[in-house]
Amino acid sequence: MNLNQVINMVVRILMRKAIHKGVNAGIGAASDFSRRRNAAKGGAEQPRQNAGNQPQLTEQQRQAKRAVKMASRASRITKL
């Protein structure tokens, strides 16, 4: 490999990382904007939860979550 190829490879890697960070930041900003906009309309703002601080769910809560997921799947299927 010559020096030109090495420099191009390093620049490509750095640009890829920078672009991915920029895209992720843009998506995060858009989702935060969406949450704030829904909260301003009167919707409940959903707080971010840390994975380690999530409370344990009871069996009834788990069943309710499963029921909600199944209902949303069914509604998507019927829309087709």
N, C-alpha and C. Protein backbone atom coordinates (compact mmCIF):
# COMPACT_ATOMS: atom_id res chain seq x y z
N MET A 1 0.84 -1.18 0.00
CA MET A 1 0.00 0.00 0.00
C MET A 1 0.88 1.24 0.00
N ASN A 2 0.47 2.16 -0.81
CA ASN A 2 1.23 3.39 -0.79
C ASN A 2 0.58 4.39 0.17
N LEU A 3 1.25 5.48 0.37
CA LEU A 3 0.81 6.47 1.35
C LEU A 3 -0.54 7.07 0.99
N ASN A 4 -0.80 7.25 -0.28
CA ASN A 4 -2.08 7.81 -0.72
C ASN A 4 -3.24 6.90 -0.32
N GLN A 5 -3.09 5.61 -0.48
CA GLN A 5 -4.15 4.68 -0.10
C GLN A 5 -4.38 4.67 1.41
N VAL A 6 -3.31 4.74 2.17
CA VAL A 6 -3.44 4.75 3.63
C VAL A 6 -4.18 6.01 4.08
N ILE A 7 -3.80 7.15 3.51
CA ILE A 7 -4.46 8.41 3.88
C ILE A 7 -5.94 8.36 3.51
N ASN A 8 -6.25 7.86 2.31
CA ASN A 8 -7.65 7.75 1.88
C ASN A 8 -8.43 6.84 2.82
N MET A 9 -7.83 5.74 3.24
CA MET A 9 -8.51 4.80 4.12
C MET A 9 -8.81 5.46 5.47
N VAL A 10 -7.84 6.18 6.03
CA VAL A 10 -8.03 6.84 7.31
C VAL A 10 -9.10 7.94 7.20
N VAL A 11 -9.05 8.70 6.14
CA VAL A 11 -10.04 9.77 5.94
C VAL A 11 -11.43 9.17 5.78
N ARG A 12 -11.55 8.07 5.05
CA ARG A 12 -12.84 7.41 4.86
C ARG A 12 -13.42 6.93 6.20
N ILE A 13 -12.56 6.36 7.04
CA ILE A 13 -13.02 5.88 8.35
C ILE A 13 -13.49 7.05 9.20
N LEU A 14 -12.72 8.13 9.25
CA LEU A 14 -13.10 9.29 10.05
C LEU A 14 -14.39 9.94 9.54
N MET A 15 -14.54 10.03 8.23
CA MET A 15 -15.75 10.62 7.66
C MET A 15 -16.97 9.75 7.97
N ARG A 16 -16.80 8.44 7.89
CA ARG A 16 -17.91 7.53 8.18
C ARG A 16 -18.39 7.71 9.62
N LYS A 17 -17.44 7.80 10.55
CA LYS A 17 -17.80 7.99 11.96
C LYS A 17 -18.48 9.34 12.17
N ALA A 18 -17.97 10.39 11.54
CA ALA A 18 -18.55 11.72 11.70
C ALA A 18 -19.97 11.77 11.13
N ILE A 19 -20.16 11.15 9.98
CA ILE A 19 -21.48 11.16 9.35
C ILE A 19 -22.48 10.38 10.20
N HIS A 20 -22.07 9.23 10.73
CA HIS A 20 -22.97 8.44 11.57
C HIS A 20 -23.36 9.21 12.83
N LYS A 21 -22.40 9.91 13.44
CA LYS A 21 -22.72 10.70 14.64
C LYS A 21 -23.70 11.82 14.29
N GLY A 22 -23.49 12.45 13.15
CA GLY A 22 -24.38 13.53 12.73
C GLY A 22 -25.79 13.03 12.44
N VAL A 23 -25.90 11.88 11.78
CA VAL A 23 -27.21 11.32 11.48
C VAL A 23 -27.92 10.93 12.78
N ASN A 24 -27.21 10.28 13.68
CA ASN A 24 -27.81 9.89 14.96
C ASN A 24 -28.25 11.11 15.77
N ALA A 25 -27.45 12.17 15.74
CA ALA A 25 -27.81 13.38 16.46
C ALA A 25 -29.06 14.01 15.84
N GLY A 26 -29.15 14.00 14.53
CA GLY A 26 -30.31 14.56 13.85
C GLY A 26 -31.58 13.79 14.16
N ILE A 27 -31.47 12.47 14.17
CA ILE A 27 -32.63 11.64 14.49
C ILE A 27 -33.05 11.86 15.94
N GLY A 28 -32.07 11.95 16.84
CA GLY A 28 -32.38 12.20 18.24
C GLY A 28 -33.05 13.56 18.44
N ALA A 29 -32.57 14.57 17.73
CA ALA A 29 -33.16 15.91 17.85
C ALA A 29 -34.58 15.90 17.30
N ALA A 30 -34.81 15.20 16.21
CA ALA A 30 -36.15 15.14 15.62
C ALA A 30 -37.11 14.41 16.54
N SER A 31 -36.67 13.35 17.18
CA SER A 31 -37.56 12.63 18.08
C SER A 31 -37.84 13.45 19.34
N ASP A 32 -36.85 14.19 19.83
CA ASP A 32 -37.08 15.07 20.98
C ASP A 32 -38.06 16.17 20.61
N PHE A 33 -37.92 16.72 19.40
CA PHE A 33 -38.84 17.75 18.92
C PHE A 33 -40.25 17.20 18.84
N SER A 34 -40.38 15.97 18.37
CA SER A 34 -41.69 15.32 18.26
C SER A 34 -42.30 15.15 19.64
N ARG A 35 -41.52 14.71 20.62
CA ARG A 35 -42.04 14.53 21.97
C ARG A 35 -42.50 15.85 22.57
N ARG A 36 -41.69 16.90 22.37
CA ARG A 36 -42.06 18.21 22.92
C ARG A 36 -43.31 18.73 22.23
N ARG A 37 -43.42 18.50 20.93
CA ARG A 37 -44.58 18.97 20.18
C ARG A 37 -45.85 18.27 20.65
N ASN A 38 -45.77 16.96 20.87
CA ASN A 38 -46.92 16.22 21.36
C ASN A 38 -47.29 16.66 22.77
N ALA A 39 -46.31 16.97 23.59
CA ALA A 39 -46.57 17.43 24.95
C ALA A 39 -47.26 18.79 24.92
N ALA A 40 -46.88 19.64 23.97
CA ALA A 40 -47.50 20.95 23.87
C ALA A 40 -48.96 20.84 23.42
N LYS A 41 -49.27 19.80 22.65
CA LYS A 41 -50.64 19.59 22.19
C LYS A 41 -51.52 18.99 23.28
N GLY A 42 -50.92 18.58 24.38
CA GLY A 42 -51.69 18.01 25.46
C GLY A 42 -51.42 16.54 25.66
N GLY A 43 -50.60 15.94 24.83
CA GLY A 43 -50.25 14.54 24.99
C GLY A 43 -49.26 14.37 26.12
N ALA A 44 -49.18 13.20 26.65
CA ALA A 44 -48.26 12.93 27.74
C ALA A 44 -46.85 12.73 27.18
N GLU A 45 -45.90 13.42 27.77
CA GLU A 45 -44.51 13.24 27.35
C GLU A 45 -43.98 11.98 27.98
N GLN A 46 -43.35 11.15 27.17
CA GLN A 46 -42.82 9.89 27.68
C GLN A 46 -41.39 10.11 28.15
N PRO A 47 -41.13 9.95 29.43
CA PRO A 47 -39.76 10.13 29.91
C PRO A 47 -38.88 8.98 29.47
N ARG A 48 -37.63 9.28 29.27
CA ARG A 48 -36.69 8.22 28.91
C ARG A 48 -36.38 7.42 30.16
N GLN A 49 -36.32 6.11 29.97
CA GLN A 49 -36.03 5.24 31.10
C GLN A 49 -34.66 4.61 30.91
N ASN A 50 -33.91 4.59 31.98
CA ASN A 50 -32.63 3.90 31.95
C ASN A 50 -32.87 2.41 32.07
N ALA A 51 -32.08 1.63 31.37
CA ALA A 51 -32.28 0.19 31.36
C ALA A 51 -32.10 -0.41 32.76
N GLY A 52 -31.21 0.13 33.54
CA GLY A 52 -30.95 -0.42 34.86
C GLY A 52 -31.98 0.00 35.91
N ASN A 53 -32.72 1.08 35.65
CA ASN A 53 -33.63 1.61 36.66
C ASN A 53 -35.09 1.26 36.39
N GLN A 54 -35.36 0.32 35.49
CA GLN A 54 -36.73 -0.02 35.18
C GLN A 54 -37.33 -0.84 36.31
N PRO A 55 -38.53 -0.47 36.75
CA PRO A 55 -39.16 -1.23 37.83
C PRO A 55 -39.62 -2.60 37.32
N GLN A 56 -39.71 -3.55 38.23
CA GLN A 56 -40.17 -4.89 37.87
C GLN A 56 -41.68 -4.84 37.65
N LEU A 57 -42.13 -5.49 36.57
CA LEU A 57 -43.55 -5.51 36.24
C LEU A 57 -44.23 -6.69 36.91
N THR A 58 -45.49 -6.47 37.27
CA THR A 58 -46.27 -7.57 37.82
C THR A 58 -46.78 -8.41 36.66
N GLU A 59 -47.31 -9.57 36.96
CA GLU A 59 -47.82 -10.46 35.92
C GLU A 59 -48.97 -9.80 35.16
N GLN A 60 -49.83 -9.08 35.84
CA GLN A 60 -50.94 -8.39 35.18
C GLN A 60 -50.43 -7.32 34.23
N GLN A 61 -49.39 -6.60 34.62
CA GLN A 61 -48.83 -5.58 33.75
C GLN A 61 -48.21 -6.20 32.51
N ARG A 62 -47.53 -7.34 32.68
CA ARG A 62 -46.95 -8.03 31.52
C ARG A 62 -48.04 -8.49 30.57
N GLN A 63 -49.11 -9.05 31.11
CA GLN A 63 -50.21 -9.50 30.26
C GLN A 63 -50.85 -8.32 29.54
N ALA A 64 -50.99 -7.20 30.21
CA ALA A 64 -51.56 -6.01 29.57
C ALA A 64 -50.67 -5.52 28.44
N LYS A 65 -49.36 -5.54 28.66
CA LYS A 65 -48.44 -5.12 27.60
C LYS A 65 -48.54 -6.05 26.39
N ARG A 66 -48.60 -7.36 26.66
CA ARG A 66 -48.75 -8.31 25.56
C ARG A 66 -50.05 -8.08 24.81
N ALA A 67 -51.12 -7.81 25.53
CA ALA A 67 -52.41 -7.58 24.89
C ALA A 67 -52.37 -6.33 24.01
N VAL A 68 -51.70 -5.28 24.47
CA VAL A 68 -51.58 -4.06 23.67
C VAL A 68 -50.79 -4.34 22.40
N LYS A 69 -49.69 -5.09 22.52
CA LYS A 69 -48.89 -5.41 21.34
C LYS A 69 -49.70 -6.22 20.34
N MET A 70 -50.43 -7.21 20.84
CA MET A 70 -51.22 -8.05 19.94
C MET A 70 -52.32 -7.24 19.27
N ALA A 71 -52.93 -6.32 19.99
CA ALA A 71 -53.98 -5.49 19.42
C ALA A 71 -53.42 -4.57 18.34
N SER A 72 -52.24 -4.01 18.58
CA SER A 72 -51.66 -3.14 17.57
C SER A 72 -51.27 -3.92 16.32
N ARG A 73 -50.77 -5.14 16.51
CA ARG A 73 -50.46 -5.99 15.35
C ARG A 73 -51.72 -6.30 14.56
N ALA A 74 -52.77 -6.63 15.27
CA ALA A 74 -54.03 -6.97 14.60
C ALA A 74 -54.56 -5.77 13.83
N SER A 75 -54.45 -4.58 14.40
CA SER A 75 -54.95 -3.39 13.70
C SER A 75 -54.13 -3.12 12.45
N ARG A 76 -52.82 -3.39 12.50
CA ARG A 76 -51.99 -3.19 11.31
C ARG A 76 -52.38 -4.20 10.22
N ILE A 77 -52.67 -5.41 10.61
CA ILE A 77 -53.03 -6.43 9.62
C ILE A 77 -54.36 -6.10 8.96
N THR A 78 -55.31 -5.61 9.74
CA THR A 78 -56.63 -5.31 9.17
C THR A 78 -56.61 -4.09 8.28
N LYS A 79 -55.62 -3.22 8.43
CA LYS A 79 -55.52 -2.04 7.56
C LYS A 79 -55.08 -2.40 6.16
N LEU A 80 -54.46 -3.55 5.98
CA LEU A 80 -54.00 -3.96 4.65
C LEU A 80 -55.18 -4.25 3.81
